[in-house]
Amino acid sequence: MCDGLKKLGDVYNSIEEIMCLPSNQVGLSLLQQSKMVEEELDRSLVLIDLCNAMLENLAELKMSILELQLVLKTGDASAVQLKIESFVRMARKAQKPFKKASSKATLEYCSLVRLMAEAREMAVSLLDSTSSLLLKKKGIPSSSKWSLVSKRFQKTKVVCEEEQLLALERNIGELENGAKFLFRILI
């Protein structure tokens, strides 16, 4: 996912280079095509908003993971369960903006506008997949299983869960870096 966000940024760089070619500048100066480009650029503003929302959600999720790590160290199973539920709620909230973001490109567009629209659709799809992945990555077992584990093994289990949380935190950090890269390219 992280590489996908960075490669998508490269796609946008390439589109910008294509738009700057002299042959495309002449075509874009035509009133109808210029109007289509402006309309597509307006639609792309939604993508910038989605990137920004994704960055905010990733920051919240990282904070949630840090809080969960602290609660895990206390050994309070009910507090751990509450933090897990909070994380899941935040991850679900991260998916909401993508439900209404898609607007398909029409075939009547010139090839450059169609290229921009397809890149925007890929970006929305990739950001949506990223937010969906967050729910699947939680990888934290429920606290109800803890009562079955003796105290001797419970400490080992907490260490293992802390390692999983650290890995999740790293993954979210990488996703955040990819989303920041894409956001900078779009602006």
Protein backbone atom coordinates (compact mmCIF):
# COMPACT_ATOMS: atom_id res chain seq x y z
CA MET A 1 0.00 0.00 0.00
CA CYS A 2 2.75 2.44 0.93
CA ASP A 3 4.55 1.85 -2.35
CA GLY A 4 1.24 2.20 -4.17
CA LEU A 5 0.71 5.66 -2.70
CA LYS A 6 4.23 6.70 -3.70
CA LYS A 7 3.82 5.27 -7.21
CA LEU A 8 0.53 7.10 -7.53
CA GLY A 9 2.39 10.30 -6.68
CA ASP A 10 4.78 9.47 -9.52
CA VAL A 11 1.78 9.03 -11.85
CA TYR A 12 0.60 12.52 -10.93
CA ASN A 13 4.10 13.89 -11.60
CA SER A 14 4.00 12.25 -15.04
CA ILE A 15 0.55 13.71 -15.76
CA GLU A 16 1.86 17.14 -14.85
CA GLU A 17 4.79 16.66 -17.25
CA ILE A 18 2.39 15.56 -20.02
CA MET A 19 0.21 18.60 -19.42
CA CYS A 20 3.24 20.87 -19.84
CA LEU A 21 4.16 19.47 -23.27
CA PRO A 22 3.71 22.12 -26.00
CA SER A 23 1.39 19.91 -28.07
CA ASN A 24 -0.94 19.46 -25.10
CA GLN A 25 -0.83 23.16 -24.21
CA VAL A 26 -2.28 23.97 -27.65
CA GLY A 27 -5.03 21.36 -27.20
CA LEU A 28 -5.83 22.54 -23.69
CA SER A 29 -6.21 26.11 -24.86
CA LEU A 30 -9.35 25.15 -26.80
CA LEU A 31 -12.37 26.36 -24.86
CA GLN A 32 -14.18 23.00 -24.61
CA GLN A 33 -11.11 21.04 -23.53
CA SER A 34 -10.05 23.79 -21.15
CA LYS A 35 -13.48 23.61 -19.54
CA MET A 36 -13.20 19.81 -19.17
CA VAL A 37 -9.76 20.15 -17.57
CA GLU A 38 -11.11 22.72 -15.10
CA GLU A 39 -14.02 20.43 -14.21
CA GLU A 40 -11.65 17.50 -13.62
CA LEU A 41 -9.35 19.67 -11.53
CA ASP A 42 -12.37 20.63 -9.41
CA ARG A 43 -13.15 16.93 -8.92
CA SER A 44 -9.53 16.35 -7.95
CA LEU A 45 -9.93 18.77 -5.05
CA VAL A 46 -12.06 16.06 -3.43
CA LEU A 47 -9.00 13.81 -3.62
CA ILE A 48 -6.93 16.37 -1.74
CA ASP A 49 -9.62 16.45 0.96
CA LEU A 50 -9.58 12.64 1.11
CA CYS A 51 -5.80 12.59 1.48
CA ASN A 52 -6.02 15.12 4.28
CA ALA A 53 -8.76 13.11 6.03
CA MET A 54 -6.63 9.96 5.67
CA LEU A 55 -3.65 11.72 7.24
CA GLU A 56 -5.77 12.87 10.17
CA ASN A 57 -7.23 9.39 10.66
CA LEU A 58 -3.80 7.75 10.53
CA ALA A 59 -2.53 10.18 13.18
CA GLU A 60 -5.52 9.32 15.41
CA LEU A 61 -4.91 5.60 14.91
CA LYS A 62 -1.24 5.98 15.85
CA MET A 63 -2.28 7.74 19.07
CA SER A 64 -4.78 4.97 19.75
CA ILE A 65 -2.03 2.38 19.37
CA LEU A 66 0.20 4.26 21.80
CA GLU A 67 -2.65 4.38 24.32
CA LEU A 68 -3.27 0.66 23.81
CA GLN A 69 0.41 -0.07 24.44
CA LEU A 70 0.24 1.79 27.74
CA VAL A 71 -2.93 -0.02 28.81
CA LEU A 72 -1.42 -3.39 27.86
CA LYS A 73 1.41 -2.78 30.29
CA THR A 74 -1.06 -2.30 33.14
CA GLY A 75 -2.64 -5.69 32.45
CA ASP A 76 -6.20 -4.33 32.81
CA ALA A 77 -8.14 -6.59 30.42
CA SER A 78 -11.29 -4.45 30.38
CA ALA A 79 -9.30 -1.29 29.58
CA VAL A 80 -7.51 -3.18 26.80
CA GLN A 81 -10.84 -4.28 25.36
CA LEU A 82 -12.14 -0.68 25.44
CA LYS A 83 -9.04 0.58 23.63
CA ILE A 84 -9.38 -2.16 21.00
CA GLU A 85 -13.01 -1.19 20.44
CA SER A 86 -11.96 2.46 20.19
CA PHE A 87 -9.34 1.55 17.58
CA VAL A 88 -11.89 -0.39 15.53
CA ARG A 89 -14.34 2.54 15.68
CA MET A 90 -11.64 4.92 14.45
CA ALA A 91 -10.66 2.56 11.63
CA ARG A 92 -14.32 2.32 10.55
CA LYS A 93 -14.62 6.10 10.71
CA ALA A 94 -11.62 6.32 8.38
CA GLN A 95 -13.60 4.45 5.71
CA LYS A 96 -16.64 6.75 5.62
CA PRO A 97 -15.29 9.56 3.38
CA PHE A 98 -14.56 7.10 0.57
CA LYS A 99 -18.11 5.83 0.21
CA LYS A 100 -19.30 8.96 -1.61
CA ALA A 101 -16.08 10.09 -3.27
CA SER A 102 -16.20 8.22 -6.56
CA SER A 103 -17.36 9.87 -9.75
CA LYS A 104 -16.48 7.97 -12.91
CA ALA A 105 -14.79 9.55 -15.91
CA THR A 106 -16.88 9.79 -19.05
CA LEU A 107 -15.53 8.55 -22.36
CA GLU A 108 -16.24 11.83 -24.15
CA TYR A 109 -13.28 13.51 -22.45
CA CYS A 110 -10.09 14.19 -24.30
CA SER A 111 -7.32 11.71 -23.55
CA LEU A 112 -5.51 14.00 -21.11
CA VAL A 113 -8.64 14.68 -19.06
CA ARG A 114 -9.46 10.96 -19.12
CA LEU A 115 -5.93 10.24 -17.85
CA MET A 116 -6.43 12.70 -15.00
CA ALA A 117 -9.82 11.19 -14.15
CA GLU A 118 -8.44 7.64 -14.16
CA ALA A 119 -5.56 8.68 -11.90
CA ARG A 120 -8.06 10.30 -9.53
CA GLU A 121 -10.17 7.12 -9.50
CA MET A 122 -7.08 5.02 -8.76
CA ALA A 123 -6.13 7.35 -5.93
CA VAL A 124 -9.60 7.20 -4.37
CA SER A 125 -9.61 3.41 -4.71
CA LEU A 126 -6.15 3.08 -3.18
CA LEU A 127 -6.99 5.35 -0.26
CA ASP A 128 -10.23 3.41 0.28
CA SER A 129 -8.30 0.11 0.25
CA THR A 130 -5.82 1.57 2.73
CA SER A 131 -8.58 2.53 5.13
CA SER A 132 -10.19 -0.93 4.75
CA LEU A 133 -6.85 -2.57 5.46
CA LEU A 134 -6.63 -0.83 8.82
CA LEU A 135 -9.53 -2.90 10.14
CA LYS A 136 -7.91 -6.13 8.99
CA LYS A 137 -4.52 -5.25 10.48
CA LYS A 138 -5.68 -4.90 14.06
CA GLY A 139 -4.39 -8.40 14.89
CA ILE A 140 -5.11 -8.01 18.60
CA PRO A 141 -6.80 -10.97 20.25
CA SER A 142 -9.81 -10.43 22.45
CA SER A 143 -9.24 -10.07 26.15
CA SER A 144 -11.71 -12.86 26.96
CA LYS A 145 -9.03 -15.39 26.02
CA TRP A 146 -6.69 -13.97 28.63
CA SER A 147 -8.53 -15.62 31.50
CA LEU A 148 -7.58 -19.00 30.05
CA VAL A 149 -3.88 -18.25 30.17
CA SER A 150 -1.90 -18.69 33.33
CA LYS A 151 0.01 -15.75 34.83
CA ARG A 152 3.25 -17.34 33.76
CA PHE A 153 2.29 -17.23 30.10
CA GLN A 154 0.41 -13.96 30.32
CA LYS A 155 3.61 -11.90 30.47
CA THR A 156 4.89 -13.59 27.30
CA LYS A 157 1.55 -12.92 25.63
CA VAL A 158 1.70 -9.23 26.53
CA VAL A 159 5.21 -8.98 25.05
CA CYS A 160 3.95 -10.64 21.86
CA GLU A 161 0.98 -8.26 21.67
CA GLU A 162 3.27 -5.28 22.25
CA GLU A 163 5.41 -6.45 19.33
CA GLN A 164 2.29 -6.72 17.17
CA LEU A 165 1.28 -3.21 18.16
CA LEU A 166 4.76 -1.90 17.33
CA ALA A 167 4.53 -3.56 13.91
CA LEU A 168 1.08 -2.04 13.39
CA GLU A 169 2.39 1.36 14.45
CA ARG A 170 5.25 1.06 11.91
CA ASN A 171 2.79 0.08 9.16
CA ILE A 172 0.54 3.01 9.94
CA GLY A 173 3.60 5.29 9.94
CA GLU A 174 4.56 4.01 6.48
CA LEU A 175 1.01 4.55 5.24
CA GLU A 176 1.09 8.03 6.69
CA ASN A 177 4.35 8.80 4.86
CA GLY A 178 2.88 7.53 1.58
CA ALA A 179 -0.28 9.60 2.05
CA LYS A 180 1.83 12.69 2.88
CA PHE A 181 3.86 12.16 -0.30
CA LEU A 182 0.70 11.89 -2.39
CA PHE A 183 -0.82 14.92 -0.66
CA ARG A 184 2.27 17.05 -1.42
CA ILE A 185 2.20 15.97 -5.06
CA LEU A 186 -1.49 16.81 -5.41
CA ILE A 187 -1.02 20.27 -3.98
